[in-house]
Each structure stands twice: as structure tokens, then as C-alpha cells.
PDB file of all heavy atoms in Angstrom:
ATOM      1  N   PRO A   1       0.817  -1.218   0.000  1.00  0.00           N
ATOM      2  CA  PRO A   1       0.000   0.000   0.000  1.00  0.00           C
ATOM      3  C   PRO A   1       0.850   1.268   0.000  1.00  0.00           C
ATOM      4  O   PRO A   1       1.974   1.271   0.511  1.00  0.00           O
ATOM      5  CB  PRO A   1      -0.807  -0.134   1.300  1.00  0.00           C
ATOM      6  CG  PRO A   1       0.067  -0.952   2.199  1.00  0.00           C
ATOM      7  CD  PRO A   1       0.766  -1.918   1.307  1.00  0.00           C
ATOM      8  N   ARG A   2       0.284   2.352  -0.565  1.00  0.00           N
ATOM      9  CA  ARG A   2       0.975   3.624  -0.661  1.00  0.00           C
ATOM     10  C   ARG A   2      -0.036   4.761  -0.612  1.00  0.00           C
ATOM     11  O   ARG A   2      -1.110   4.659  -1.202  1.00  0.00           O
ATOM     12  CB  ARG A   2       1.768   3.694  -1.981  1.00  0.00           C
ATOM     13  CG  ARG A   2       2.401   5.045  -2.304  1.00  0.00           C
ATOM     14  CD  ARG A   2       3.486   5.404  -1.296  1.00  0.00           C
ATOM     15  NE  ARG A   2       4.648   4.539  -1.447  1.00  0.00           N
ATOM     16  CZ  ARG A   2       5.444   4.208  -0.440  1.00  0.00           C
ATOM     17  NH1 ARG A   2       5.176   4.637   0.787  1.00  0.00           N
ATOM     18  NH2 ARG A   2       6.500   3.423  -0.630  1.00  0.00           N
ATOM     19  N   VAL A   3       0.291   5.818   0.112  1.00  0.00           N
ATOM     20  CA  VAL A   3      -0.473   7.059   0.059  1.00  0.00           C
ATOM     21  C   VAL A   3       0.020   7.827  -1.163  1.00  0.00           C
ATOM     22  O   VAL A   3       1.189   8.227  -1.226  1.00  0.00           O
ATOM     23  CB  VAL A   3      -0.290   7.907   1.334  1.00  0.00           C
ATOM     24  CG1 VAL A   3      -1.034   9.238   1.197  1.00  0.00           C
ATOM     25  CG2 VAL A   3      -0.794   7.153   2.559  1.00  0.00           C
ATOM     26  N   LEU A   4      -0.860   7.986  -2.150  1.00  0.00           N
ATOM     27  CA  LEU A   4      -0.482   8.660  -3.383  1.00  0.00           C
ATOM     28  C   LEU A   4      -0.460  10.178  -3.192  1.00  0.00           C
ATOM     29  O   LEU A   4      -0.782  10.691  -2.125  1.00  0.00           O
ATOM     30  CB  LEU A   4      -1.455   8.282  -4.502  1.00  0.00           C
ATOM     31  CG  LEU A   4      -1.627   6.794  -4.812  1.00  0.00           C
ATOM     32  CD1 LEU A   4      -2.591   6.601  -5.977  1.00  0.00           C
ATOM     33  CD2 LEU A   4      -0.292   6.131  -5.099  1.00  0.00           C
ATOM     34  N   GLY A   5      -0.107  10.866  -4.263  1.00  0.00           N
ATOM     35  CA  GLY A   5      -0.119  12.330  -4.249  1.00  0.00           C
ATOM     36  C   GLY A   5       1.255  12.904  -4.486  1.00  0.00           C
ATOM     37  O   GLY A   5       2.095  12.893  -3.585  1.00  0.00           O
ATOM     38  N   ILE A   6       1.490  13.436  -5.713  1.00  0.00           N
ATOM     39  CA  ILE A   6       2.813  13.968  -6.056  1.00  0.00           C
ATOM     40  C   ILE A   6       2.955  15.446  -5.699  1.00  0.00           C
ATOM     41  O   ILE A   6       3.982  16.047  -5.990  1.00  0.00           O
ATOM     42  CB  ILE A   6       3.122  13.770  -7.553  1.00  0.00           C
ATOM     43  CG1 ILE A   6       2.146  14.577  -8.425  1.00  0.00           C
ATOM     44  CG2 ILE A   6       3.098  12.291  -7.908  1.00  0.00           C
ATOM     45  CD1 ILE A   6       2.551  14.643  -9.892  1.00  0.00           C
ATOM     46  N   GLU A   7       1.941  16.037  -5.063  1.00  0.00           N
ATOM     47  CA  GLU A   7       2.027  17.439  -4.668  1.00  0.00           C
ATOM     48  C   GLU A   7       1.089  17.697  -3.494  1.00  0.00           C
ATOM     49  O   GLU A   7       0.118  16.979  -3.270  1.00  0.00           O
ATOM     50  CB  GLU A   7       1.660  18.357  -5.823  1.00  0.00           C
ATOM     51  CG  GLU A   7       0.202  18.249  -6.259  1.00  0.00           C
ATOM     52  CD  GLU A   7      -0.199  19.295  -7.284  1.00  0.00           C
ATOM     53  OE1 GLU A   7       0.217  20.474  -7.131  1.00  0.00           O
ATOM     54  OE2 GLU A   7      -0.933  18.945  -8.233  1.00  0.00           O
ATOM     55  N   CYS A   8       1.400  18.759  -2.762  1.00  0.00           N
ATOM     56  CA  CYS A   8       0.485  19.249  -1.732  1.00  0.00           C
ATOM     57  C   CYS A   8       0.906  20.642  -1.311  1.00  0.00           C
ATOM     58  O   CYS A   8       2.017  21.094  -1.600  1.00  0.00           O
ATOM     59  CB  CYS A   8       0.429  18.307  -0.519  1.00  0.00           C
ATOM     60  SG  CYS A   8       1.916  18.311   0.515  1.00  0.00           S
ATOM     61  N   VAL A   9       0.004  21.327  -0.626  1.00  0.00           N
ATOM     62  CA  VAL A   9       0.318  22.589   0.043  1.00  0.00           C
ATOM     63  C   VAL A   9      -0.140  22.458   1.483  1.00  0.00           C
ATOM     64  O   VAL A   9      -1.045  21.682   1.800  1.00  0.00           O
ATOM     65  CB  VAL A   9      -0.365  23.799  -0.626  1.00  0.00           C
ATOM     66  CG1 VAL A   9       0.147  23.989  -2.042  1.00  0.00           C
ATOM     67  CG2 VAL A   9      -1.891  23.644  -0.626  1.00  0.00           C
ATOM     68  N   GLY A  10       0.506  23.209   2.376  1.00  0.00           N
ATOM     69  CA  GLY A  10       0.130  23.144   3.780  1.00  0.00           C
ATOM     70  C   GLY A  10       1.052  23.977   4.632  1.00  0.00           C
ATOM     71  O   GLY A  10       1.673  24.941   4.147  1.00  0.00           O
ATOM     72  N   THR A  11       1.138  23.609   5.891  1.00  0.00           N
ATOM     73  CA  THR A  11       1.989  24.329   6.827  1.00  0.00           C
ATOM     74  C   THR A  11       2.929  23.357   7.533  1.00  0.00           C
ATOM     75  O   THR A  11       2.589  22.190   7.736  1.00  0.00           O
ATOM     76  CB  THR A  11       1.149  25.083   7.875  1.00  0.00           C
ATOM     77  OG1 THR A  11       0.297  24.153   8.558  1.00  0.00           O
ATOM     78  CG2 THR A  11       0.292  26.159   7.220  1.00  0.00           C
ATOM     79  N   VAL A  12       4.083  23.856   7.905  1.00  0.00           N
ATOM     80  CA  VAL A  12       5.059  23.031   8.617  1.00  0.00           C
ATOM     81  C   VAL A  12       4.546  22.747  10.026  1.00  0.00           C
ATOM     82  O   VAL A  12       4.240  23.663  10.794  1.00  0.00           O
ATOM     83  CB  VAL A  12       6.428  23.729   8.666  1.00  0.00           C
ATOM     84  CG1 VAL A  12       7.410  22.925   9.529  1.00  0.00           C
ATOM     85  CG2 VAL A  12       6.982  23.915   7.257  1.00  0.00           C
ATOM     86  N   ALA A  13       4.447  21.463  10.377  1.00  0.00           N
ATOM     87  CA  ALA A  13       4.032  21.066  11.728  1.00  0.00           C
ATOM     88  C   ALA A  13       5.237  20.779  12.611  1.00  0.00           C
ATOM     89  O   ALA A  13       5.192  20.998  13.819  1.00  0.00           O
ATOM     90  CB  ALA A  13       3.126  19.835  11.656  1.00  0.00           C
ATOM     91  N   ALA A  14       6.317  20.296  12.015  1.00  0.00           N
ATOM     92  CA  ALA A  14       7.571  20.036  12.735  1.00  0.00           C
ATOM     93  C   ALA A  14       8.654  19.845  11.681  1.00  0.00           C
ATOM     94  O   ALA A  14       8.388  19.329  10.597  1.00  0.00           O
ATOM     95  CB  ALA A  14       7.457  18.797  13.616  1.00  0.00           C
ATOM     96  N   SER A  15       9.885  20.276  12.017  1.00  0.00           N
ATOM     97  CA  SER A  15      10.948  20.174  11.039  1.00  0.00           C
ATOM     98  C   SER A  15      12.305  20.025  11.709  1.00  0.00           C
ATOM     99  O   SER A  15      12.513  20.497  12.828  1.00  0.00           O
ATOM    100  CB  SER A  15      10.966  21.414  10.131  1.00  0.00           C
ATOM    101  OG  SER A  15      12.003  21.328   9.180  1.00  0.00           O
ATOM    102  N   THR A  16      13.222  19.386  10.989  1.00  0.00           N
ATOM    103  CA  THR A  16      14.619  19.316  11.429  1.00  0.00           C
ATOM    104  C   THR A  16      15.457  20.412  10.763  1.00  0.00           C
ATOM    105  O   THR A  16      16.670  20.466  10.968  1.00  0.00           O
ATOM    106  CB  THR A  16      15.211  17.942  11.074  1.00  0.00           C
ATOM    107  OG1 THR A  16      15.088  17.719   9.659  1.00  0.00           O
ATOM    108  CG2 THR A  16      14.485  16.835  11.828  1.00  0.00           C
ATOM    109  N   ASP A  17      14.808  21.264   9.972  1.00  0.00           N
ATOM    110  CA  ASP A  17      15.482  22.369   9.294  1.00  0.00           C
ATOM    111  C   ASP A  17      15.119  23.671  10.000  1.00  0.00           C
ATOM    112  O   ASP A  17      13.948  24.065  10.026  1.00  0.00           O
ATOM    113  CB  ASP A  17      15.045  22.417   7.823  1.00  0.00           C
ATOM    114  CG  ASP A  17      15.807  23.453   7.004  1.00  0.00           C
ATOM    115  OD1 ASP A  17      16.375  24.393   7.591  1.00  0.00           O
ATOM    116  OD2 ASP A  17      15.821  23.328   5.764  1.00  0.00           O
ATOM    117  N   ALA A  18      16.127  24.361  10.537  1.00  0.00           N
ATOM    118  CA  ALA A  18      15.883  25.588  11.297  1.00  0.00           C
ATOM    119  C   ALA A  18      15.305  26.702  10.437  1.00  0.00           C
ATOM    120  O   ALA A  18      14.717  27.663  10.958  1.00  0.00           O
ATOM    121  CB  ALA A  18      17.190  26.066  11.941  1.00  0.00           C
ATOM    122  N   THR A  19      15.456  26.606   9.126  1.00  0.00           N
ATOM    123  CA  THR A  19      14.911  27.634   8.238  1.00  0.00           C
ATOM    124  C   THR A  19      13.447  27.386   7.888  1.00  0.00           C
ATOM    125  O   THR A  19      12.850  28.171   7.137  1.00  0.00           O
ATOM    126  CB  THR A  19      15.729  27.706   6.930  1.00  0.00           C
ATOM    127  OG1 THR A  19      15.534  26.511   6.182  1.00  0.00           O
ATOM    128  CG2 THR A  19      17.215  27.905   7.229  1.00  0.00           C
ATOM    129  N   LEU A  20      12.883  26.319   8.427  1.00  0.00           N
ATOM    130  CA  LEU A  20      11.478  25.994   8.176  1.00  0.00           C
ATOM    131  C   LEU A  20      10.706  26.026   9.496  1.00  0.00           C
ATOM    132  O   LEU A  20      10.475  24.991  10.125  1.00  0.00           O
ATOM    133  CB  LEU A  20      11.352  24.613   7.528  1.00  0.00           C
ATOM    134  CG  LEU A  20      11.939  24.472   6.119  1.00  0.00           C
ATOM    135  CD1 LEU A  20      11.976  22.997   5.707  1.00  0.00           C
ATOM    136  CD2 LEU A  20      11.120  25.272   5.105  1.00  0.00           C
ATOM    137  N   PRO A  21      10.308  27.206   9.951  1.00  0.00           N
ATOM    138  CA  PRO A  21       9.630  27.305  11.244  1.00  0.00           C
ATOM    139  C   PRO A  21       8.237  26.691  11.214  1.00  0.00           C
ATOM    140  O   PRO A  21       7.602  26.601  10.153  1.00  0.00           O
ATOM    141  CB  PRO A  21       9.552  28.816  11.476  1.00  0.00           C
ATOM    142  CG  PRO A  21       9.558  29.415  10.108  1.00  0.00           C
ATOM    143  CD  PRO A  21      10.457  28.515   9.293  1.00  0.00           C
ATOM    144  N   VAL A  22       7.773  26.274  12.360  1.00  0.00           N
ATOM    145  CA  VAL A  22       6.411  25.758  12.487  1.00  0.00           C
ATOM    146  C   VAL A  22       5.434  26.847  12.046  1.00  0.00           C
ATOM    147  O   VAL A  22       5.558  28.015  12.427  1.00  0.00           O
ATOM    148  CB  VAL A  22       6.129  25.330  13.935  1.00  0.00           C
ATOM    149  CG1 VAL A  22       4.648  24.983  14.113  1.00  0.00           C
ATOM    150  CG2 VAL A  22       6.990  24.138  14.309  1.00  0.00           C
ATOM    151  N   GLY A  23       4.482  26.457  11.229  1.00  0.00           N
ATOM    152  CA  GLY A  23       3.492  27.396  10.712  1.00  0.00           C
ATOM    153  C   GLY A  23       3.816  27.968   9.346  1.00  0.00           C
ATOM    154  O   GLY A  23       2.950  28.593   8.715  1.00  0.00           O
ATOM    155  N   GLN A  24       5.047  27.760   8.874  1.00  0.00           N
ATOM    156  CA  GLN A  24       5.429  28.269   7.555  1.00  0.00           C
ATOM    157  C   GLN A  24       4.599  27.597   6.459  1.00  0.00           C
ATOM    158  O   GLN A  24       4.443  26.386   6.422  1.00  0.00           O
ATOM    159  CB  GLN A  24       6.918  27.998   7.305  1.00  0.00           C
ATOM    160  CG  GLN A  24       7.390  28.248   5.882  1.00  0.00           C
ATOM    161  CD  GLN A  24       7.370  29.709   5.511  1.00  0.00           C
ATOM    162  OE1 GLN A  24       7.973  30.530   6.200  1.00  0.00           O
ATOM    163  NE2 GLN A  24       6.684  30.049   4.424  1.00  0.00           N
ATOM    164  N   THR A  25       4.028  28.407   5.573  1.00  0.00           N
ATOM    165  CA  THR A  25       3.301  27.867   4.432  1.00  0.00           C
ATOM    166  C   THR A  25       4.291  27.311   3.417  1.00  0.00           C
ATOM    167  O   THR A  25       5.283  27.969   3.081  1.00  0.00           O
ATOM    168  CB  THR A  25       2.435  28.949   3.775  1.00  0.00           C
ATOM    169  OG1 THR A  25       1.484  29.438   4.731  1.00  0.00           O
ATOM    170  CG2 THR A  25       1.679  28.393   2.575  1.00  0.00           C
ATOM    171  N   VAL A  26       4.019  26.113   2.935  1.00  0.00           N
ATOM    172  CA  VAL A  26       4.921  25.463   1.983  1.00  0.00           C
ATOM    173  C   VAL A  26       4.112  24.782   0.883  1.00  0.00           C
ATOM    174  O   VAL A  26       2.932  24.472   1.047  1.00  0.00           O
ATOM    175  CB  VAL A  26       5.827  24.415   2.672  1.00  0.00           C
ATOM    176  CG1 VAL A  26       6.816  25.075   3.622  1.00  0.00           C
ATOM    177  CG2 VAL A  26       4.989  23.354   3.399  1.00  0.00           C
ATOM    178  N   ALA A  27       4.795  24.580  -0.227  1.00  0.00           N
ATOM    179  CA  ALA A  27       4.284  23.740  -1.311  1.00  0.00           C
ATOM    180  C   ALA A  27       5.333  22.689  -1.612  1.00  0.00           C
ATOM    181  O   ALA A  27       6.532  22.918  -1.420  1.00  0.00           O
ATOM    182  CB  ALA A  27       3.982  24.574  -2.550  1.00  0.00           C
ATOM    183  N   VAL A  28       4.887  21.533  -2.070  1.00  0.00           N
ATOM    184  CA  VAL A  28       5.802  20.426  -2.361  1.00  0.00           C
ATOM    185  C   VAL A  28       5.330  19.744  -3.640  1.00  0.00           C
ATOM    186  O   VAL A  28       4.132  19.498  -3.812  1.00  0.00           O
ATOM    187  CB  VAL A  28       5.832  19.395  -1.214  1.00  0.00           C
ATOM    188  CG1 VAL A  28       6.995  18.433  -1.398  1.00  0.00           C
ATOM    189  CG2 VAL A  28       5.910  20.070   0.141  1.00  0.00           C
ATOM    190  N   VAL A  29       6.296  19.451  -4.525  1.00  0.00           N
ATOM    191  CA  VAL A  29       5.977  18.683  -5.733  1.00  0.00           C
ATOM    192  C   VAL A  29       7.077  17.671  -6.000  1.00  0.00           C
ATOM    193  O   VAL A  29       8.251  17.882  -5.693  1.00  0.00           O
ATOM    194  CB  VAL A  29       5.817  19.582  -6.984  1.00  0.00           C
ATOM    195  CG1 VAL A  29       4.674  20.556  -6.827  1.00  0.00           C
ATOM    196  CG2 VAL A  29       7.107  20.330  -7.289  1.00  0.00           C
ATOM    197  N   MET A  30       6.696  16.552  -6.559  1.00  0.00           N
ATOM    198  CA  MET A  30       7.597  15.568  -7.167  1.00  0.00           C
ATOM    199  C   MET A  30       8.631  14.990  -6.190  1.00  0.00           C
ATOM    200  O   MET A  30       8.341  14.795  -5.022  1.00  0.00           O
ATOM    201  CB  MET A  30       8.260  16.172  -8.403  1.00  0.00           C
ATOM    202  CG  MET A  30       7.252  16.574  -9.491  1.00  0.00           C
ATOM    203  SD  MET A  30       6.226  15.208 -10.095  1.00  0.00           S
ATOM    204  CE  MET A  30       7.433  14.237 -10.982  1.00  0.00           C
ATOM    205  N   GLY A  31       9.831  14.690  -6.718  1.00  0.00           N
ATOM    206  CA  GLY A  31      10.868  14.090  -5.896  1.00  0.00           C
ATOM    207  C   GLY A  31      10.505  12.719  -5.358  1.00  0.00           C
ATOM    208  O   GLY A  31      10.897  12.362  -4.249  1.00  0.00           O
ATOM    209  N   GLU A  32       9.732  11.953  -6.127  1.00  0.00           N
ATOM    210  CA  GLU A  32       9.266  10.608  -5.742  1.00  0.00           C
ATOM    211  C   GLU A  32       8.225  10.624  -4.626  1.00  0.00           C
ATOM    212  O   GLU A  32       7.903   9.591  -4.034  1.00  0.00           O
ATOM    213  CB  GLU A  32      10.426   9.688  -5.364  1.00  0.00           C
ATOM    214  CG  GLU A  32      11.338   9.373  -6.536  1.00  0.00           C
ATOM    215  CD  GLU A  32      10.595   8.747  -7.708  1.00  0.00           C
ATOM    216  OE1 GLU A  32       9.787   7.842  -7.474  1.00  0.00           O
ATOM    217  OE2 GLU A  32      10.830   9.176  -8.853  1.00  0.00           O
ATOM    218  N   MET A  33       7.670  11.818  -4.362  1.00  0.00           N
ATOM    219  CA  MET A  33       6.560  11.926  -3.412  1.00  0.00           C
ATOM    220  C   MET A  33       5.361  11.124  -3.939  1.00  0.00           C
ATOM    221  O   MET A  33       5.017  11.174  -5.115  1.00  0.00           O
ATOM    222  CB  MET A  33       6.193  13.406  -3.274  1.00  0.00           C
ATOM    223  CG  MET A  33       5.022  13.714  -2.392  1.00  0.00           C
ATOM    224  SD  MET A  33       4.746  15.517  -2.428  1.00  0.00           S
ATOM    225  CE  MET A  33       3.266  15.617  -1.434  1.00  0.00           C
ATOM    226  N   GLY A  34       4.738  10.336  -3.058  1.00  0.00           N
ATOM    227  CA  GLY A  34       3.614   9.509  -3.454  1.00  0.00           C
ATOM    228  C   GLY A  34       4.004   8.284  -4.258  1.00  0.00           C
ATOM    229  O   GLY A  34       3.133   7.564  -4.766  1.00  0.00           O
ATOM    230  N   ARG A  35       5.325   8.042  -4.336  1.00  0.00           N
ATOM    231  CA  ARG A  35       5.802   6.895  -5.096  1.00  0.00           C
ATOM    232  C   ARG A  35       6.801   6.092  -4.253  1.00  0.00           C
ATOM    233  O   ARG A  35       6.516   4.991  -3.829  1.00  0.00           O
ATOM    234  CB  ARG A  35       6.438   7.366  -6.410  1.00  0.00           C
ATOM    235  CG  ARG A  35       5.429   8.053  -7.337  1.00  0.00           C
ATOM    236  CD  ARG A  35       6.124   8.781  -8.479  1.00  0.00           C
ATOM    237  NE  ARG A  35       6.825   7.836  -9.335  1.00  0.00           N
ATOM    238  CZ  ARG A  35       6.269   7.161 -10.323  1.00  0.00           C
ATOM    239  NH1 ARG A  35       4.981   7.310 -10.585  1.00  0.00           N
ATOM    240  NH2 ARG A  35       6.982   6.330 -11.068  1.00  0.00           N
TER     241      ARG A  35
END
């Protein structure tokens, strides 16, 4: 089983990157996402 979806938009809930604060609006595409 796999959760599909090669893109999404939303907000950062938690991150290991200090430049991505919680609440930051982000978009994500591709990079084997959903695959």
C-alpha cells in the first residue's frame, strides 16, 4: 500500500530544518513523493 499524491500545500508542523519554522506555508511537488 501507498499514500499517493505527487504534490500538496500546507503548513510546517515540525521540522529538522531551522529555516522551516512551524506554521510556515509550503508547497511540495515531485521528488518521488507519493511513489
